[in-house]
Every structure is written in structure tokens, then in C-alpha cells.
Amino acid sequence: MKIAFCFLIYDQINLEEIWSRFFKGVDPARYSVHVHYKTQKPLKYFEAAKLPVCIDTKWGDLSLVRAQNLLLAAALKDPATTHCILLSNSCIPFKSFEQVAAHLDPARSYFNIGDPERCFPRCLFVTQFVERRFIQKASQWCILNRRHATLVTESTDYLTWFAACNAPDEHCYITKLFAERLRDELVLTKNAAEDATTFTNWADMNYKFRSAAGLKTYETISQEELVHLLQSPCLFGRKFQREAVRSLINPTYLGALQRAPESK
């Protein structure tokens, strides 16, 4: 198994040092790192991982999907790649590399989906291209296996389907895979916080430390919540700012990044 870590960033990886620790001691043959950036600013550890060509991106725009496709295409150039993990500049790991690798099934991709009825009415026009029952909404931060990553990079009709859609990054891949009748090859969580592969804290989620409003951005995290997330099923977490390093550089968190997977 070889895992591609695909970062879609503005100009930096907020907690780049933590990612360097995450990969420390791991055989480079088992992973690759790919970075699509909006603004050129040198990275400390992953400068060599930047894509040679990046495109201009805008929030809630189809350009985000095109940028992700560039990341996937770069990862798939290596025939050993089995999974592509989509990550943002604010993501951090909550499990060790070994635990992540042990969790992933080469035959599966992973999505955190929303209520499909919330796709409408904004996706109503998409029904001219694909049946309504296939139109889905999911977090942009998914994990694709090689088969599915290859499909979405080589068959991009969904770019036409969602050309006029707000936030197409939430619809394109998951709808394409449903339309190809690949639902049984997907591991789905339903609007979950810590049960999803990538944790986010939205106000409408059933979560012990639920956000007071909207999507919570972490500049600090309590030890209680940190331990809760380290013990949860999630592999990664989102919306962690640079300031959060003060809450994370401690034996509890750093020790978790070196933990071996549990025996099955």
C-alpha cells in the first residue's frame, strides 16, 4: 500500500512541522506528498512536493475540483499508489501513519455525506444530466482509492453537470461515483464529526464539544477534547490554525503520532 497525501493550500500548511513528525521514520516508498498552492511561498519541509503547474482557485468554485484533479493525477503517476487523501492547509493527523495505513481498504473510498435532499433546489438543474437519486453532497475532504481516483480524473463529465453549481467540490466526486453505481465500494459516514475520516466541528453535528455556531476554527484545543479525538475513529482533523501548535506539542499528542495499530 502506498498513500498519496494531497494538500490543497493557499500559501502554507498551517502545522507543517507536525506533518514532518507524522512522516518521520516512515519508508518513503509507502507514501507521497503533493501540494497545490494558490500563492507561492516557500514551505519548510514539503517545498519539493509542490505541483509544477497550479491553477487559480476560488472558494466555492469549480476551480477547486480542477485543482484536486491535478493533485490526483500527480499521485496516480506512481503505479504503486493505492489511496489519495485530500487535505487542506488546516488539516492535522490524529493517528499515526501506521494506524492510517491499517485503516484503509484498497477496495474502498471514504466520504462523509450529508442529507441528499439538501442538494436541492441548488442542484435541481443537474437532473438534466444525471438521475436525481444519484445527486449527493459530501465533504470535500475525502479519501479515494486508486480505482475511483482514476475514474474521476479520466471521466470528468461531472464538471459539466456542476458547472453552474455553488460549492461543486461538495458534489462532484460523490455524485459521479453514485452515478457509476459504485455505492457498494464506498465507506460512508453521515454528517459525522469525529466518526468521519476527517474531523470537522459544525454546529449541526452530534458532537460532545459541538461548535457554538457554524464551523469551528481551532486556535487552541483543550486536553479533554484532544484526548477524545485521539481516541475516536477519525484519522485527521480540519480547521486548525497555526496558533494551535501550543495545544498540540505535548507528549499526549506527539506520542499518538507514533502509535502502532491495534491488533485485529
C-alpha atoms as a PDB file:
ATOM      1  CA  MET A   1       0.000   0.000   0.000  1.00  0.00           C
ATOM      2  CA  LYS A   2       1.241   3.472  -0.918  1.00  0.00           C
ATOM      3  CA  ILE A   3      -0.715   6.505   0.233  1.00  0.00           C
ATOM      4  CA  ALA A   4      -0.703   9.881  -1.522  1.00  0.00           C
ATOM      5  CA  PHE A   5      -1.279  12.883   0.746  1.00  0.00           C
ATOM      6  CA  CYS A   6      -2.742  15.626  -1.458  1.00  0.00           C
ATOM      7  CA  PHE A   7      -2.720  19.124   0.048  1.00  0.00           C
ATOM      8  CA  LEU A   8      -4.822  21.942  -1.392  1.00  0.00           C
ATOM      9  CA  ILE A   9      -3.415  25.098   0.239  1.00  0.00           C
ATOM     10  CA  TYR A  10      -3.327  28.870  -0.056  1.00  0.00           C
ATOM     11  CA  ASP A  11       0.339  29.506   0.694  1.00  0.00           C
ATOM     12  CA  GLN A  12       1.262  27.343   3.682  1.00  0.00           C
ATOM     13  CA  ILE A  13       0.485  24.159   5.581  1.00  0.00           C
ATOM     14  CA  ASN A  14      -0.502  25.658   8.923  1.00  0.00           C
ATOM     15  CA  LEU A  15       1.155  22.986  11.054  1.00  0.00           C
ATOM     16  CA  GLU A  16       3.825  21.755   8.662  1.00  0.00           C
ATOM     17  CA  GLU A  17       6.149  20.698  11.482  1.00  0.00           C
ATOM     18  CA  ILE A  18       3.534  18.271  12.770  1.00  0.00           C
ATOM     19  CA  TRP A  19       3.232  16.661   9.337  1.00  0.00           C
ATOM     20  CA  SER A  20       7.007  16.307   9.241  1.00  0.00           C
ATOM     21  CA  ARG A  21       6.808  14.417  12.546  1.00  0.00           C
ATOM     22  CA  PHE A  22       3.959  12.291  11.172  1.00  0.00           C
ATOM     23  CA  PHE A  23       6.155  11.028   8.315  1.00  0.00           C
ATOM     24  CA  LYS A  24       9.332  10.684  10.390  1.00  0.00           C
ATOM     25  CA  GLY A  25      10.725   7.161  10.209  1.00  0.00           C
ATOM     26  CA  VAL A  26       8.228   6.017   7.559  1.00  0.00           C
ATOM     27  CA  ASP A  27       9.690   4.347   4.480  1.00  0.00           C
ATOM     28  CA  PRO A  28       9.345   6.908   1.631  1.00  0.00           C
ATOM     29  CA  ALA A  29       8.242   4.067  -0.637  1.00  0.00           C
ATOM     30  CA  ARG A  30       4.997   3.906   1.374  1.00  0.00           C
ATOM     31  CA  TYR A  31       3.781   7.463   0.800  1.00  0.00           C
ATOM     32  CA  SER A  32       3.981  10.533  -1.405  1.00  0.00           C
ATOM     33  CA  VAL A  33       3.098  14.175  -0.781  1.00  0.00           C
ATOM     34  CA  HIS A  34       1.614  16.518  -3.378  1.00  0.00           C
ATOM     35  CA  VAL A  35       0.851  20.214  -2.843  1.00  0.00           C
ATOM     36  CA  HIS A  36      -1.313  22.518  -4.954  1.00  0.00           C
ATOM     37  CA  TYR A  37      -0.883  26.128  -3.867  1.00  0.00           C
ATOM     38  CA  LYS A  38      -2.670  29.386  -4.620  1.00  0.00           C
ATOM     39  CA  THR A  39       0.173  31.738  -3.689  1.00  0.00           C
ATOM     40  CA  GLN A  40       3.848  30.869  -3.957  1.00  0.00           C
ATOM     41  CA  LYS A  41       5.526  30.906  -0.558  1.00  0.00           C
ATOM     42  CA  PRO A  42       8.374  28.542   0.356  1.00  0.00           C
ATOM     43  CA  LEU A  43       7.453  25.549   2.511  1.00  0.00           C
ATOM     44  CA  LYS A  44       9.901  24.364   5.145  1.00  0.00           C
ATOM     45  CA  TYR A  45       9.548  20.607   4.687  1.00  0.00           C
ATOM     46  CA  PHE A  46       7.441  19.985   1.574  1.00  0.00           C
ATOM     47  CA  GLU A  47       8.649  22.515  -0.983  1.00  0.00           C
ATOM     48  CA  ALA A  48       9.726  19.716  -3.343  1.00  0.00           C
ATOM     49  CA  ALA A  49       6.201  18.272  -3.194  1.00  0.00           C
ATOM     50  CA  LYS A  50       4.606  21.268  -4.941  1.00  0.00           C
ATOM     51  CA  LEU A  51       2.977  20.623  -8.289  1.00  0.00           C
ATOM     52  CA  PRO A  52       4.924  22.072 -11.222  1.00  0.00           C
ATOM     53  CA  VAL A  53       1.738  23.720 -12.520  1.00  0.00           C
ATOM     54  CA  CYS A  54      -1.075  25.103 -10.372  1.00  0.00           C
ATOM     55  CA  ILE A  55      -4.255  26.927 -11.376  1.00  0.00           C
ATOM     56  CA  ASP A  56      -6.007  29.931  -9.902  1.00  0.00           C
ATOM     57  CA  THR A  57      -8.708  28.815  -7.477  1.00  0.00           C
ATOM     58  CA  LYS A  58     -11.708  30.496  -5.879  1.00  0.00           C
ATOM     59  CA  TRP A  59     -13.817  29.470  -2.909  1.00  0.00           C
ATOM     60  CA  GLY A  60     -16.996  27.582  -3.836  1.00  0.00           C
ATOM     61  CA  ASP A  61     -15.884  27.323  -7.445  1.00  0.00           C
ATOM     62  CA  LEU A  62     -15.309  24.508  -9.935  1.00  0.00           C
ATOM     63  CA  SER A  63     -11.635  25.523  -9.991  1.00  0.00           C
ATOM     64  CA  LEU A  64     -11.234  23.721  -6.654  1.00  0.00           C
ATOM     65  CA  VAL A  65     -12.272  20.444  -8.261  1.00  0.00           C
ATOM     66  CA  ARG A  66      -9.898  21.047 -11.174  1.00  0.00           C
ATOM     67  CA  ALA A  67      -7.069  21.694  -8.703  1.00  0.00           C
ATOM     68  CA  GLN A  68      -7.919  18.480  -6.845  1.00  0.00           C
ATOM     69  CA  ASN A  69      -7.832  16.633 -10.146  1.00  0.00           C
ATOM     70  CA  LEU A  70      -4.295  17.900 -10.719  1.00  0.00           C
ATOM     71  CA  LEU A  71      -3.313  16.509  -7.321  1.00  0.00           C
ATOM     72  CA  LEU A  72      -4.932  13.158  -8.039  1.00  0.00           C
ATOM     73  CA  ALA A  73      -3.311  12.943 -11.462  1.00  0.00           C
ATOM     74  CA  ALA A  74       0.109  13.619  -9.952  1.00  0.00           C
ATOM     75  CA  ALA A  75      -0.420  10.928  -7.314  1.00  0.00           C
ATOM     76  CA  LEU A  76      -1.617   8.373  -9.867  1.00  0.00           C
ATOM     77  CA  LYS A  77       1.542   8.700 -11.942  1.00  0.00           C
ATOM     78  CA  ASP A  78       3.050   6.316  -9.413  1.00  0.00           C
ATOM     79  CA  PRO A  79       1.570   2.883 -10.165  1.00  0.00           C
ATOM     80  CA  ALA A  80       2.094   1.894  -6.523  1.00  0.00           C
ATOM     81  CA  THR A  81      -0.377   4.489  -5.219  1.00  0.00           C
ATOM     82  CA  THR A  82      -3.411   2.807  -3.656  1.00  0.00           C
ATOM     83  CA  HIS A  83      -5.152   5.757  -1.981  1.00  0.00           C
ATOM     84  CA  CYS A  84      -5.296   9.537  -2.358  1.00  0.00           C
ATOM     85  CA  ILE A  85      -6.148  11.540   0.751  1.00  0.00           C
ATOM     86  CA  LEU A  86      -7.424  15.080   0.116  1.00  0.00           C
ATOM     87  CA  LEU A  87      -6.245  17.545   2.753  1.00  0.00           C
ATOM     88  CA  SER A  88      -6.397  21.300   3.290  1.00  0.00           C
ATOM     89  CA  ASN A  89      -3.807  23.691   4.698  1.00  0.00           C
ATOM     90  CA  SER A  90      -5.544  23.463   8.098  1.00  0.00           C
ATOM     91  CA  CYS A  91      -5.528  19.669   8.433  1.00  0.00           C
ATOM     92  CA  ILE A  92      -3.582  17.733  11.057  1.00  0.00           C
ATOM     93  CA  PRO A  93      -3.242  13.986  11.711  1.00  0.00           C
ATOM     94  CA  PHE A  94      -4.937  12.368  14.705  1.00  0.00           C
ATOM     95  CA  LYS A  95      -3.482   8.927  14.080  1.00  0.00           C
ATOM     96  CA  SER A  96      -0.012   7.631  13.280  1.00  0.00           C
ATOM     97  CA  PHE A  97       0.928   6.747   9.721  1.00  0.00           C
ATOM     98  CA  GLU A  98       0.746   3.070  10.627  1.00  0.00           C
ATOM     99  CA  GLN A  99      -2.767   3.463  12.005  1.00  0.00           C
ATOM    100  CA  VAL A 100      -3.901   5.321   8.887  1.00  0.00           C
ATOM    101  CA  ALA A 101      -2.441   2.625   6.637  1.00  0.00           C
ATOM    102  CA  ALA A 102      -4.059  -0.133   8.699  1.00  0.00           C
ATOM    103  CA  HIS A 103      -7.447   1.595   8.482  1.00  0.00           C
ATOM    104  CA  LEU A 104      -7.601   1.917   4.692  1.00  0.00           C
ATOM    105  CA  ASP A 105      -9.022  -0.800   2.457  1.00  0.00           C
ATOM    106  CA  PRO A 106      -7.659  -0.715  -1.130  1.00  0.00           C
ATOM    107  CA  ALA A 107     -11.122  -1.672  -2.384  1.00  0.00           C
ATOM    108  CA  ARG A 108     -12.874   1.264  -0.690  1.00  0.00           C
ATOM    109  CA  SER A 109     -13.109   5.042  -0.764  1.00  0.00           C
ATOM    110  CA  TYR A 110     -14.311   7.144   2.184  1.00  0.00           C
ATOM    111  CA  PHE A 111     -16.796  10.038   2.283  1.00  0.00           C
ATOM    112  CA  ASN A 112     -18.658  11.986   4.946  1.00  0.00           C
ATOM    113  CA  ILE A 113     -22.041  12.651   3.336  1.00  0.00           C
ATOM    114  CA  GLY A 114     -24.913  14.990   4.051  1.00  0.00           C
ATOM    115  CA  ASP A 115     -28.642  14.644   3.577  1.00  0.00           C
ATOM    116  CA  PRO A 116     -29.137  14.307  -0.207  1.00  0.00           C
ATOM    117  CA  GLU A 117     -32.303  16.408  -0.005  1.00  0.00           C
ATOM    118  CA  ARG A 118     -30.102  19.350   0.966  1.00  0.00           C
ATOM    119  CA  CYS A 119     -28.686  19.235  -2.557  1.00  0.00           C
ATOM    120  CA  PHE A 120     -31.910  20.823  -3.720  1.00  0.00           C
ATOM    121  CA  PRO A 121     -33.007  23.182  -5.078  1.00  0.00           C
ATOM    122  CA  ARG A 122     -29.452  24.344  -5.865  1.00  0.00           C
ATOM    123  CA  CYS A 123     -28.683  21.129  -7.801  1.00  0.00           C
ATOM    124  CA  LEU A 124     -32.059  20.808  -9.484  1.00  0.00           C
ATOM    125  CA  PHE A 125     -30.610  21.701 -12.897  1.00  0.00           C
ATOM    126  CA  VAL A 126     -28.178  18.760 -12.576  1.00  0.00           C
ATOM    127  CA  THR A 127     -31.088  16.374 -13.129  1.00  0.00           C
ATOM    128  CA  GLN A 128     -30.816  17.085 -16.861  1.00  0.00           C
ATOM    129  CA  PHE A 129     -27.531  15.155 -16.763  1.00  0.00           C
ATOM    130  CA  VAL A 130     -27.994  12.533 -14.055  1.00  0.00           C
ATOM    131  CA  GLU A 131     -30.887  10.983 -12.140  1.00  0.00           C
ATOM    132  CA  ARG A 132     -31.890  12.835  -9.001  1.00  0.00           C
ATOM    133  CA  ARG A 133     -31.279   9.759  -6.824  1.00  0.00           C
ATOM    134  CA  PHE A 134     -27.562   9.869  -7.674  1.00  0.00           C
ATOM    135  CA  ILE A 135     -27.032  13.539  -6.762  1.00  0.00           C
ATOM    136  CA  GLN A 136     -25.219  13.620  -3.442  1.00  0.00           C
ATOM    137  CA  LYS A 137     -23.419  16.017  -1.124  1.00  0.00           C
ATOM    138  CA  ALA A 138     -20.258  15.149   0.818  1.00  0.00           C
ATOM    139  CA  SER A 139     -17.302  16.771   2.474  1.00  0.00           C
ATOM    140  CA  GLN A 140     -14.613  17.808   0.018  1.00  0.00           C
ATOM    141  CA  TRP A 141     -12.039  16.128   2.293  1.00  0.00           C
ATOM    142  CA  CYS A 142     -12.466  12.531   1.241  1.00  0.00           C
ATOM    143  CA  ILE A 143     -10.183   9.543   0.627  1.00  0.00           C
ATOM    144  CA  LEU A 144     -10.234   7.946  -2.822  1.00  0.00           C
ATOM    145  CA  ASN A 145      -8.812   4.571  -3.700  1.00  0.00           C
ATOM    146  CA  ARG A 146      -6.898   4.170  -6.948  1.00  0.00           C
ATOM    147  CA  ARG A 147      -9.856   2.881  -8.949  1.00  0.00           C
ATOM    148  CA  HIS A 148     -12.083   5.807  -8.008  1.00  0.00           C
ATOM    149  CA  ALA A 149      -9.345   8.445  -8.287  1.00  0.00           C
ATOM    150  CA  THR A 150      -8.597   7.183 -11.783  1.00  0.00           C
ATOM    151  CA  LEU A 151     -12.269   7.323 -12.696  1.00  0.00           C
ATOM    152  CA  VAL A 152     -12.799  10.941 -11.603  1.00  0.00           C
ATOM    153  CA  THR A 153      -9.633  12.152 -13.325  1.00  0.00           C
ATOM    154  CA  GLU A 154     -10.243  10.329 -16.613  1.00  0.00           C
ATOM    155  CA  SER A 155     -14.027  10.766 -16.888  1.00  0.00           C
ATOM    156  CA  THR A 156     -14.802  14.380 -15.995  1.00  0.00           C
ATOM    157  CA  ASP A 157     -18.349  14.783 -17.322  1.00  0.00           C
ATOM    158  CA  TYR A 158     -19.327  15.878 -13.799  1.00  0.00           C
ATOM    159  CA  LEU A 159     -17.529  19.190 -14.464  1.00  0.00           C
ATOM    160  CA  THR A 160     -20.315  19.960 -16.918  1.00  0.00           C
ATOM    161  CA  TRP A 161     -23.003  18.670 -14.566  1.00  0.00           C
ATOM    162  CA  PHE A 162     -21.990  21.074 -11.783  1.00  0.00           C
ATOM    163  CA  ALA A 163     -20.625  23.975 -13.843  1.00  0.00           C
ATOM    164  CA  ALA A 164     -23.276  26.377 -12.535  1.00  0.00           C
ATOM    165  CA  CYS A 165     -23.473  24.947  -9.019  1.00  0.00           C
ATOM    166  CA  ASN A 166     -22.455  26.677  -5.820  1.00  0.00           C
ATOM    167  CA  ALA A 167     -19.810  24.635  -3.923  1.00  0.00           C
ATOM    168  CA  PRO A 168     -19.360  21.968  -6.632  1.00  0.00           C
ATOM    169  CA  ASP A 169     -16.485  20.480  -4.623  1.00  0.00           C
ATOM    170  CA  GLU A 170     -19.143  19.068  -2.275  1.00  0.00           C
ATOM    171  CA  HIS A 171     -20.963  17.261  -5.076  1.00  0.00           C
ATOM    172  CA  CYS A 172     -18.711  16.270  -7.980  1.00  0.00           C
ATOM    173  CA  TYR A 173     -16.872  13.140  -6.833  1.00  0.00           C
ATOM    174  CA  ILE A 174     -19.575  11.590  -4.696  1.00  0.00           C
ATOM    175  CA  THR A 175     -22.258  12.120  -7.367  1.00  0.00           C
ATOM    176  CA  LYS A 176     -20.005  10.717 -10.081  1.00  0.00           C
ATOM    177  CA  LEU A 177     -19.370   7.559  -8.065  1.00  0.00           C
ATOM    178  CA  PHE A 178     -23.074   7.128  -7.253  1.00  0.00           C
ATOM    179  CA  ALA A 179     -23.961   7.667 -10.921  1.00  0.00           C
ATOM    180  CA  GLU A 180     -21.471   4.946 -11.857  1.00  0.00           C
ATOM    181  CA  ARG A 181     -23.330   2.706  -9.376  1.00  0.00           C
ATOM    182  CA  LEU A 182     -20.303   2.274  -7.149  1.00  0.00           C
ATOM    183  CA  ARG A 183     -22.121   2.926  -3.866  1.00  0.00           C
ATOM    184  CA  ASP A 184     -21.153  -0.516  -2.546  1.00  0.00           C
ATOM    185  CA  GLU A 185     -17.458   0.371  -2.898  1.00  0.00           C
ATOM    186  CA  LEU A 186     -17.774   3.389  -0.602  1.00  0.00           C
ATOM    187  CA  VAL A 187     -17.499   3.693   3.166  1.00  0.00           C
ATOM    188  CA  LEU A 188     -19.939   6.443   4.126  1.00  0.00           C
ATOM    189  CA  THR A 189     -20.445   8.339   7.358  1.00  0.00           C
ATOM    190  CA  LYS A 190     -23.470  10.628   7.656  1.00  0.00           C
ATOM    191  CA  ASN A 191     -22.638  14.202   8.598  1.00  0.00           C
ATOM    192  CA  ALA A 192     -20.407  12.865  11.363  1.00  0.00           C
ATOM    193  CA  ALA A 193     -17.824  14.820  13.316  1.00  0.00           C
ATOM    194  CA  GLU A 194     -15.260  12.503  14.911  1.00  0.00           C
ATOM    195  CA  ASP A 195     -16.550   9.365  13.157  1.00  0.00           C
ATOM    196  CA  ALA A 196     -15.595  10.674   9.708  1.00  0.00           C
ATOM    197  CA  THR A 197     -12.087  10.071   8.368  1.00  0.00           C
ATOM    198  CA  THR A 198     -11.516  13.838   8.590  1.00  0.00           C
ATOM    199  CA  PHE A 199     -12.965  15.538  11.663  1.00  0.00           C
ATOM    200  CA  THR A 200     -14.790  18.858  11.406  1.00  0.00           C
ATOM    201  CA  ASN A 201     -16.844  20.585  14.063  1.00  0.00           C
ATOM    202  CA  TRP A 202     -20.034  22.056  12.605  1.00  0.00           C
ATOM    203  CA  ALA A 203     -22.782  23.395  14.829  1.00  0.00           C
ATOM    204  CA  ASP A 204     -25.339  20.913  13.457  1.00  0.00           C
ATOM    205  CA  MET A 205     -23.270  17.820  14.274  1.00  0.00           C
ATOM    206  CA  ASN A 206     -23.867  15.421  17.140  1.00  0.00           C
ATOM    207  CA  TYR A 207     -20.562  16.004  18.896  1.00  0.00           C
ATOM    208  CA  LYS A 208     -19.603  16.235  22.556  1.00  0.00           C
ATOM    209  CA  PHE A 209     -17.707  19.511  22.037  1.00  0.00           C
ATOM    210  CA  ARG A 210     -20.063  20.888  19.390  1.00  0.00           C
ATOM    211  CA  SER A 211     -19.380  24.278  17.848  1.00  0.00           C
ATOM    212  CA  ALA A 212     -21.480  27.155  19.128  1.00  0.00           C
ATOM    213  CA  ALA A 213     -22.082  28.451  15.590  1.00  0.00           C
ATOM    214  CA  GLY A 214     -21.030  27.449  12.098  1.00  0.00           C
ATOM    215  CA  LEU A 215     -17.707  25.682  11.560  1.00  0.00           C
ATOM    216  CA  LYS A 216     -15.296  25.919  14.466  1.00  0.00           C
ATOM    217  CA  THR A 217     -11.752  27.089  13.776  1.00  0.00           C
ATOM    218  CA  TYR A 218      -9.221  25.879  16.329  1.00  0.00           C
ATOM    219  CA  GLU A 219      -6.572  28.271  17.598  1.00  0.00           C
ATOM    220  CA  THR A 220      -6.389  26.153  20.736  1.00  0.00           C
ATOM    221  CA  ILE A 221      -7.882  22.849  21.866  1.00  0.00           C
ATOM    222  CA  SER A 222      -8.460  21.585  25.391  1.00  0.00           C
ATOM    223  CA  GLN A 223      -6.642  18.477  26.582  1.00  0.00           C
ATOM    224  CA  GLU A 224     -10.018  16.818  27.170  1.00  0.00           C
ATOM    225  CA  GLU A 225     -11.175  17.346  23.591  1.00  0.00           C
ATOM    226  CA  LEU A 226      -7.766  16.416  22.193  1.00  0.00           C
ATOM    227  CA  VAL A 227      -7.770  13.070  24.032  1.00  0.00           C
ATOM    228  CA  HIS A 228     -11.347  12.495  22.869  1.00  0.00           C
ATOM    229  CA  LEU A 229     -10.323  12.967  19.224  1.00  0.00           C
ATOM    230  CA  LEU A 230      -7.192  10.846  19.547  1.00  0.00           C
ATOM    231  CA  GLN A 231      -9.358   8.011  20.861  1.00  0.00           C
ATOM    232  CA  SER A 232     -12.066   8.499  18.211  1.00  0.00           C
ATOM    233  CA  PRO A 233     -12.203   6.826  14.771  1.00  0.00           C
ATOM    234  CA  CYS A 234     -11.150   9.979  12.875  1.00  0.00           C
ATOM    235  CA  LEU A 235      -7.778   9.927  11.121  1.00  0.00           C
ATOM    236  CA  PHE A 236      -7.350  13.664  10.551  1.00  0.00           C
ATOM    237  CA  GLY A 237      -8.830  16.954  11.703  1.00  0.00           C
ATOM    238  CA  ARG A 238      -9.582  20.227   9.938  1.00  0.00           C
ATOM    239  CA  LYS A 239      -9.585  23.947  10.698  1.00  0.00           C
ATOM    240  CA  PHE A 240      -6.515  24.002  12.917  1.00  0.00           C
ATOM    241  CA  GLN A 241      -4.694  27.290  12.785  1.00  0.00           C
ATOM    242  CA  ARG A 242      -1.006  27.963  13.326  1.00  0.00           C
ATOM    243  CA  GLU A 243      -1.660  29.067  16.928  1.00  0.00           C
ATOM    244  CA  ALA A 244      -2.986  25.605  17.815  1.00  0.00           C
ATOM    245  CA  VAL A 245       0.592  24.305  17.913  1.00  0.00           C
ATOM    246  CA  ARG A 246       0.768  25.337  21.579  1.00  0.00           C
ATOM    247  CA  SER A 247      -2.017  22.873  22.398  1.00  0.00           C
ATOM    248  CA  LEU A 248      -0.533  20.051  20.323  1.00  0.00           C
ATOM    249  CA  ILE A 249       3.166  19.948  21.141  1.00  0.00           C
ATOM    250  CA  ASN A 250       2.802  17.709  24.190  1.00  0.00           C
ATOM    251  CA  PRO A 251       3.532  14.026  24.953  1.00  0.00           C
ATOM    252  CA  THR A 252      -0.117  13.004  24.586  1.00  0.00           C
ATOM    253  CA  TYR A 253      -0.456  14.209  21.008  1.00  0.00           C
ATOM    254  CA  LEU A 254       3.079  13.574  19.776  1.00  0.00           C
ATOM    255  CA  GLY A 255       3.003  10.085  21.265  1.00  0.00           C
ATOM    256  CA  ALA A 256      -0.187   9.352  19.329  1.00  0.00           C
ATOM    257  CA  LEU A 257       1.590  10.137  16.049  1.00  0.00           C
ATOM    258  CA  GLN A 258       3.982   7.244  16.718  1.00  0.00           C
ATOM    259  CA  ARG A 259       1.414   4.725  17.943  1.00  0.00           C
ATOM    260  CA  ALA A 260       1.286   1.287  16.346  1.00  0.00           C
ATOM    261  CA  PRO A 261      -2.049  -0.011  15.004  1.00  0.00           C
ATOM    262  CA  GLU A 262      -4.094  -2.253  17.267  1.00  0.00           C
ATOM    263  CA  SER A 263      -4.083  -5.975  16.515  1.00  0.00           C
ATOM    264  CA  LYS A 264      -7.216  -7.201  14.789  1.00  0.00           C
END
